[in-house]
Each structure stands twice: as structure tokens, then as C-alpha cells.
Amino acid sequence: MWPELLAATAPAWPAAAAFVIGALLLFRSPPSERTVVRISTASLALSLLAVLVGAGLWAANGFEPVVAQLGHWFQVGDYELEILVHFDTASVPVALTAAVLVLATARFSANYLHREPGFVRFFLLMLGFASGMLLLVLSGSLDVLFAGWELVGLCSVLLVAFFHE
């Protein structure tokens, strides 16, 4: 039970980091680059750890799909929005690849974008992208897949247009 819940937190870590950085922006002067990088890399490392736990559960289960049910978000009539996270043959390799690449991108971008005016904006967008990608890849329902798809699409467009000057 607990390992499945830990594995299911993979998309939540980058989202939580984005909210923390956003709160720091709202309630005081902009956080330092070092603070943004530490929060981002810690959350992305925890996300990678959660994906590794899910991959380990999948392997320990004889490579049969592992489903973590996080409950029902809401119900309207006969329709229920279930939050499900799947670890299976298709999702584990892509989730591992995405988690490693986003973490590597964060580490590289910390030096590359040093003293760039949009430093914090870039990391917020990258955390949103990471959260959306993991939602998309690990989704166990069509509704969660669409939510991840929209988040990835929005963040991708904004990242492509990062240097809009």
C-alpha cells in the first residue's frame, strides 16, 4: 500500500515545488537563483525516486501492471473521476527517461541561465512540464491523461517561446 502511494507521488513533487517557488514570489522579493535551483532539483530528484520505486514494484510484481488508486476526485451521476497511476511496460521506461532528462535539464540550466532575467520563470515552466509529463505517462484514466497532455502542451509552448525578445 505505502510503496504504491509513494510511487504515485511522482507527478506531485514538481507541482509542489512550482507552488512553493510561486508562493515565494508572491510573499517576498524574488527568491535567489540558488534557492530556486535547490527546490527544483530536490523535487525532481524525489520525483525520480518515486518513479524508481514504481519501477521496482513493477519488476517485483513479475512485470505485471501495478496500479495505485488515489481515490475519486468527484462524481456526477454515473460518472466518477478516478485518479489512477499505472506502472506497466509502456509507462515505466518513458517515465524513467522523462524524470532523468528533466533532472539533467535542471542541473544544466542552473549554469546556462545564470543571471538571465527569466530564470525563475524558466524553472517554473520546467517544473510544470515535468509534472504534466509524468501525469501523462503514468495516467490510469483518460481524464488524467488529458490533464497531463494540456499541462505539457501549455508549458511546451511557453518554453519554446522563452526567449521572446
C-alpha atoms as a PDB file:
ATOM      1  CA  MET A   1       0.000   0.000   0.000  1.00  0.00           C
ATOM      2  CA  TRP A   2       2.625   2.557   1.036  1.00  0.00           C
ATOM      3  CA  PRO A   3       5.076   1.867  -1.794  1.00  0.00           C
ATOM      4  CA  GLU A   4       2.271   2.339  -4.344  1.00  0.00           C
ATOM      5  CA  LEU A   5       1.342   5.671  -2.771  1.00  0.00           C
ATOM      6  CA  LEU A   6       4.989   6.761  -2.761  1.00  0.00           C
ATOM      7  CA  ALA A   7       5.315   5.808  -6.427  1.00  0.00           C
ATOM      8  CA  ALA A   8       2.117   7.689  -7.256  1.00  0.00           C
ATOM      9  CA  THR A   9       3.613  10.936  -5.904  1.00  0.00           C
ATOM     10  CA  ALA A  10       5.978  11.211  -8.894  1.00  0.00           C
ATOM     11  CA  PRO A  11       3.932  13.924 -10.678  1.00  0.00           C
ATOM     12  CA  ALA A  12       3.182  15.717  -7.405  1.00  0.00           C
ATOM     13  CA  TRP A  13       6.774  16.601  -6.443  1.00  0.00           C
ATOM     14  CA  PRO A  14       7.466  19.007  -9.347  1.00  0.00           C
ATOM     15  CA  ALA A  15       3.997  20.535  -8.957  1.00  0.00           C
ATOM     16  CA  ALA A  16       4.591  21.101  -5.241  1.00  0.00           C
ATOM     17  CA  ALA A  17       7.958  22.729  -5.980  1.00  0.00           C
ATOM     18  CA  ALA A  18       6.323  25.047  -8.515  1.00  0.00           C
ATOM     19  CA  PHE A  19       3.765  26.084  -5.905  1.00  0.00           C
ATOM     20  CA  VAL A  20       6.496  26.706  -3.308  1.00  0.00           C
ATOM     21  CA  ILE A  21       8.501  28.868  -5.720  1.00  0.00           C
ATOM     22  CA  GLY A  22       5.313  30.680  -6.746  1.00  0.00           C
ATOM     23  CA  ALA A  23       4.481  31.345  -3.091  1.00  0.00           C
ATOM     24  CA  LEU A  24       7.976  32.721  -2.541  1.00  0.00           C
ATOM     25  CA  LEU A  25       7.406  35.074  -5.473  1.00  0.00           C
ATOM     26  CA  LEU A  26       4.105  36.266  -4.023  1.00  0.00           C
ATOM     27  CA  PHE A  27       5.090  36.792  -0.424  1.00  0.00           C
ATOM     28  CA  ARG A  28       8.540  38.357  -0.673  1.00  0.00           C
ATOM     29  CA  SER A  29      11.151  39.557  -3.119  1.00  0.00           C
ATOM     30  CA  PRO A  30      12.088  37.064  -5.829  1.00  0.00           C
ATOM     31  CA  PRO A  31      13.962  34.052  -4.424  1.00  0.00           C
ATOM     32  CA  SER A  32      17.634  33.701  -5.197  1.00  0.00           C
ATOM     33  CA  GLU A  33      18.743  31.513  -8.077  1.00  0.00           C
ATOM     34  CA  ARG A  34      20.346  29.141  -5.599  1.00  0.00           C
ATOM     35  CA  THR A  35      17.041  28.707  -3.745  1.00  0.00           C
ATOM     36  CA  VAL A  36      15.127  28.072  -6.975  1.00  0.00           C
ATOM     37  CA  VAL A  37      17.687  25.522  -8.151  1.00  0.00           C
ATOM     38  CA  ARG A  38      17.749  23.711  -4.806  1.00  0.00           C
ATOM     39  CA  ILE A  39      13.962  23.461  -4.604  1.00  0.00           C
ATOM     40  CA  SER A  40      13.716  22.364  -8.240  1.00  0.00           C
ATOM     41  CA  THR A  41      16.444  19.743  -8.176  1.00  0.00           C
ATOM     42  CA  ALA A  42      15.267  18.335  -4.840  1.00  0.00           C
ATOM     43  CA  SER A  43      11.722  17.930  -6.136  1.00  0.00           C
ATOM     44  CA  LEU A  44      12.877  16.423  -9.432  1.00  0.00           C
ATOM     45  CA  ALA A  45      15.168  14.009  -7.566  1.00  0.00           C
ATOM     46  CA  LEU A  46      12.250  12.964  -5.335  1.00  0.00           C
ATOM     47  CA  SER A  47      10.139  12.521  -8.456  1.00  0.00           C
ATOM     48  CA  LEU A  48      12.816  10.291  -9.990  1.00  0.00           C
ATOM     49  CA  LEU A  49      12.970   8.326  -6.736  1.00  0.00           C
ATOM     50  CA  ALA A  50       9.187   7.843  -6.837  1.00  0.00           C
ATOM     51  CA  VAL A  51       9.399   6.581 -10.431  1.00  0.00           C
ATOM     52  CA  LEU A  52      12.197   4.205  -9.415  1.00  0.00           C
ATOM     53  CA  VAL A  53      10.029   2.877  -6.579  1.00  0.00           C
ATOM     54  CA  GLY A  54       7.199   2.335  -9.073  1.00  0.00           C
ATOM     55  CA  ALA A  55       9.575   0.589 -11.475  1.00  0.00           C
ATOM     56  CA  GLY A  56      10.795  -1.604  -8.627  1.00  0.00           C
ATOM     57  CA  LEU A  57       7.232  -2.519  -7.688  1.00  0.00           C
ATOM     58  CA  TRP A  58       6.502  -3.332 -11.311  1.00  0.00           C
ATOM     59  CA  ALA A  59       9.592  -5.578 -11.520  1.00  0.00           C
ATOM     60  CA  ALA A  60       8.818  -7.218  -8.157  1.00  0.00           C
ATOM     61  CA  ASN A  61       5.284  -7.904  -9.407  1.00  0.00           C
ATOM     62  CA  GLY A  62       6.678 -10.040 -12.223  1.00  0.00           C
ATOM     63  CA  PHE A  63       6.385  -7.214 -14.751  1.00  0.00           C
ATOM     64  CA  GLU A  64       2.626  -7.195 -14.362  1.00  0.00           C
ATOM     65  CA  PRO A  65       0.984  -3.733 -14.225  1.00  0.00           C
ATOM     66  CA  VAL A  66       0.939  -2.016 -10.845  1.00  0.00           C
ATOM     67  CA  VAL A  67      -1.993   0.322 -10.275  1.00  0.00           C
ATOM     68  CA  ALA A  68      -2.103   2.895  -7.499  1.00  0.00           C
ATOM     69  CA  GLN A  69      -5.616   4.168  -6.893  1.00  0.00           C
ATOM     70  CA  LEU A  70      -5.601   7.578  -5.280  1.00  0.00           C
ATOM     71  CA  GLY A  71      -9.347   7.770  -4.866  1.00  0.00           C
ATOM     72  CA  HIS A  72     -12.209   9.552  -6.551  1.00  0.00           C
ATOM     73  CA  TRP A  73     -11.977  13.258  -7.204  1.00  0.00           C
ATOM     74  CA  PHE A  74     -15.667  13.793  -7.814  1.00  0.00           C
ATOM     75  CA  GLN A  75     -18.796  12.020  -9.001  1.00  0.00           C
ATOM     76  CA  VAL A  76     -21.609  13.247 -11.238  1.00  0.00           C
ATOM     77  CA  GLY A  77     -24.384  10.748 -11.777  1.00  0.00           C
ATOM     78  CA  ASP A  78     -22.809   7.529 -13.008  1.00  0.00           C
ATOM     79  CA  TYR A  79     -19.520   9.207 -13.901  1.00  0.00           C
ATOM     80  CA  GLU A  80     -16.603   9.150 -11.444  1.00  0.00           C
ATOM     81  CA  LEU A  81     -13.249  10.813 -11.918  1.00  0.00           C
ATOM     82  CA  GLU A  82     -10.755   8.312 -10.541  1.00  0.00           C
ATOM     83  CA  ILE A  83      -7.137   9.240 -10.007  1.00  0.00           C
ATOM     84  CA  LEU A  84      -5.148   6.174 -11.089  1.00  0.00           C
ATOM     85  CA  VAL A  85      -1.425   5.823 -11.689  1.00  0.00           C
ATOM     86  CA  HIS A  86      -0.176   2.855 -13.765  1.00  0.00           C
ATOM     87  CA  PHE A  87       3.299   1.374 -13.825  1.00  0.00           C
ATOM     88  CA  ASP A  88       3.488  -1.015 -16.756  1.00  0.00           C
ATOM     89  CA  THR A  89       5.574  -1.971 -19.793  1.00  0.00           C
ATOM     90  CA  ALA A  90       4.786   1.254 -21.631  1.00  0.00           C
ATOM     91  CA  SER A  91       4.874   3.762 -18.788  1.00  0.00           C
ATOM     92  CA  VAL A  92       7.955   2.750 -16.778  1.00  0.00           C
ATOM     93  CA  PRO A  93      10.644   3.270 -19.475  1.00  0.00           C
ATOM     94  CA  VAL A  94       9.139   6.579 -20.617  1.00  0.00           C
ATOM     95  CA  ALA A  95       8.650   7.844 -17.055  1.00  0.00           C
ATOM     96  CA  LEU A  96      12.237   6.929 -16.142  1.00  0.00           C
ATOM     97  CA  THR A  97      13.558   8.644 -19.272  1.00  0.00           C
ATOM     98  CA  ALA A  98      11.460  11.760 -18.678  1.00  0.00           C
ATOM     99  CA  ALA A  99      12.442  12.003 -14.999  1.00  0.00           C
ATOM    100  CA  VAL A 100      16.163  11.634 -15.740  1.00  0.00           C
ATOM    101  CA  LEU A 101      16.098  14.100 -18.648  1.00  0.00           C
ATOM    102  CA  VAL A 102      14.201  16.772 -16.736  1.00  0.00           C
ATOM    103  CA  LEU A 103      16.567  16.440 -13.771  1.00  0.00           C
ATOM    104  CA  ALA A 104      19.582  16.710 -16.104  1.00  0.00           C
ATOM    105  CA  THR A 105      18.000  19.729 -17.813  1.00  0.00           C
ATOM    106  CA  ALA A 106      17.519  21.423 -14.446  1.00  0.00           C
ATOM    107  CA  ARG A 107      21.149  20.895 -13.494  1.00  0.00           C
ATOM    108  CA  PHE A 108      22.385  22.171 -16.867  1.00  0.00           C
ATOM    109  CA  SER A 109      20.029  25.154 -16.905  1.00  0.00           C
ATOM    110  CA  ALA A 110      21.175  26.309 -13.479  1.00  0.00           C
ATOM    111  CA  ASN A 111      24.532  27.280 -15.013  1.00  0.00           C
ATOM    112  CA  TYR A 112      23.339  28.136 -18.515  1.00  0.00           C
ATOM    113  CA  LEU A 113      20.656  30.592 -17.419  1.00  0.00           C
ATOM    114  CA  HIS A 114      22.655  32.166 -14.582  1.00  0.00           C
ATOM    115  CA  ARG A 115      21.656  35.846 -14.240  1.00  0.00           C
ATOM    116  CA  GLU A 116      19.089  35.535 -17.020  1.00  0.00           C
ATOM    117  CA  PRO A 117      16.060  37.790 -16.399  1.00  0.00           C
ATOM    118  CA  GLY A 118      13.598  34.888 -16.814  1.00  0.00           C
ATOM    119  CA  PHE A 119      15.476  32.411 -14.614  1.00  0.00           C
ATOM    120  CA  VAL A 120      12.629  31.769 -12.171  1.00  0.00           C
ATOM    121  CA  ARG A 121      10.036  31.694 -14.980  1.00  0.00           C
ATOM    122  CA  PHE A 122      12.039  29.008 -16.790  1.00  0.00           C
ATOM    123  CA  PHE A 123      12.218  26.790 -13.717  1.00  0.00           C
ATOM    124  CA  LEU A 124       8.502  27.223 -13.012  1.00  0.00           C
ATOM    125  CA  LEU A 125       7.699  26.201 -16.583  1.00  0.00           C
ATOM    126  CA  MET A 126      10.094  23.272 -16.450  1.00  0.00           C
ATOM    127  CA  LEU A 127       8.546  22.016 -13.201  1.00  0.00           C
ATOM    128  CA  GLY A 128       5.093  22.318 -14.752  1.00  0.00           C
ATOM    129  CA  PHE A 129       6.306  20.411 -17.796  1.00  0.00           C
ATOM    130  CA  ALA A 130       7.804  17.657 -15.613  1.00  0.00           C
ATOM    131  CA  SER A 131       4.612  17.307 -13.615  1.00  0.00           C
ATOM    132  CA  GLY A 132       2.477  17.205 -16.767  1.00  0.00           C
ATOM    133  CA  MET A 133       4.753  14.700 -18.487  1.00  0.00           C
ATOM    134  CA  LEU A 134       4.652  12.311 -15.540  1.00  0.00           C
ATOM    135  CA  LEU A 135       0.870  12.712 -15.292  1.00  0.00           C
ATOM    136  CA  LEU A 136       0.588  11.996 -18.996  1.00  0.00           C
ATOM    137  CA  VAL A 137       2.852   8.956 -18.977  1.00  0.00           C
ATOM    138  CA  LEU A 138       1.638   7.376 -15.742  1.00  0.00           C
ATOM    139  CA  SER A 139      -2.072   8.151 -16.156  1.00  0.00           C
ATOM    140  CA  GLY A 140      -4.503   5.380 -15.475  1.00  0.00           C
ATOM    141  CA  SER A 141      -7.578   7.181 -16.748  1.00  0.00           C
ATOM    142  CA  LEU A 142      -8.412   9.247 -19.782  1.00  0.00           C
ATOM    143  CA  ASP A 143      -9.186  12.319 -17.668  1.00  0.00           C
ATOM    144  CA  VAL A 144      -5.772  12.310 -16.004  1.00  0.00           C
ATOM    145  CA  LEU A 145      -4.143  11.738 -19.401  1.00  0.00           C
ATOM    146  CA  PHE A 146      -5.905  14.823 -20.810  1.00  0.00           C
ATOM    147  CA  ALA A 147      -4.881  16.919 -17.798  1.00  0.00           C
ATOM    148  CA  GLY A 148      -1.242  15.899 -18.272  1.00  0.00           C
ATOM    149  CA  TRP A 149      -1.493  16.468 -22.032  1.00  0.00           C
ATOM    150  CA  GLU A 150      -2.796  20.018 -21.562  1.00  0.00           C
ATOM    151  CA  LEU A 151      -0.143  20.863 -18.983  1.00  0.00           C
ATOM    152  CA  VAL A 152       2.631  19.522 -21.225  1.00  0.00           C
ATOM    153  CA  GLY A 153       1.250  21.427 -24.208  1.00  0.00           C
ATOM    154  CA  LEU A 154       0.956  24.732 -22.361  1.00  0.00           C
ATOM    155  CA  CYS A 155       4.397  24.500 -20.768  1.00  0.00           C
ATOM    156  CA  SER A 156       5.989  23.374 -24.049  1.00  0.00           C
ATOM    157  CA  VAL A 157       4.661  26.397 -25.912  1.00  0.00           C
ATOM    158  CA  LEU A 158       5.837  28.743 -23.193  1.00  0.00           C
ATOM    159  CA  LEU A 159       9.267  27.081 -23.030  1.00  0.00           C
ATOM    160  CA  VAL A 160       9.707  27.283 -26.811  1.00  0.00           C
ATOM    161  CA  ALA A 161       8.881  30.988 -26.617  1.00  0.00           C
ATOM    162  CA  PHE A 162      11.138  31.532 -23.582  1.00  0.00           C
ATOM    163  CA  PHE A 163      13.473  33.980 -25.310  1.00  0.00           C
ATOM    164  CA  HIS A 164      10.658  36.079 -26.775  1.00  0.00           C
ATOM    165  CA  GLU A 165      12.687  39.268 -27.049  1.00  0.00           C
END
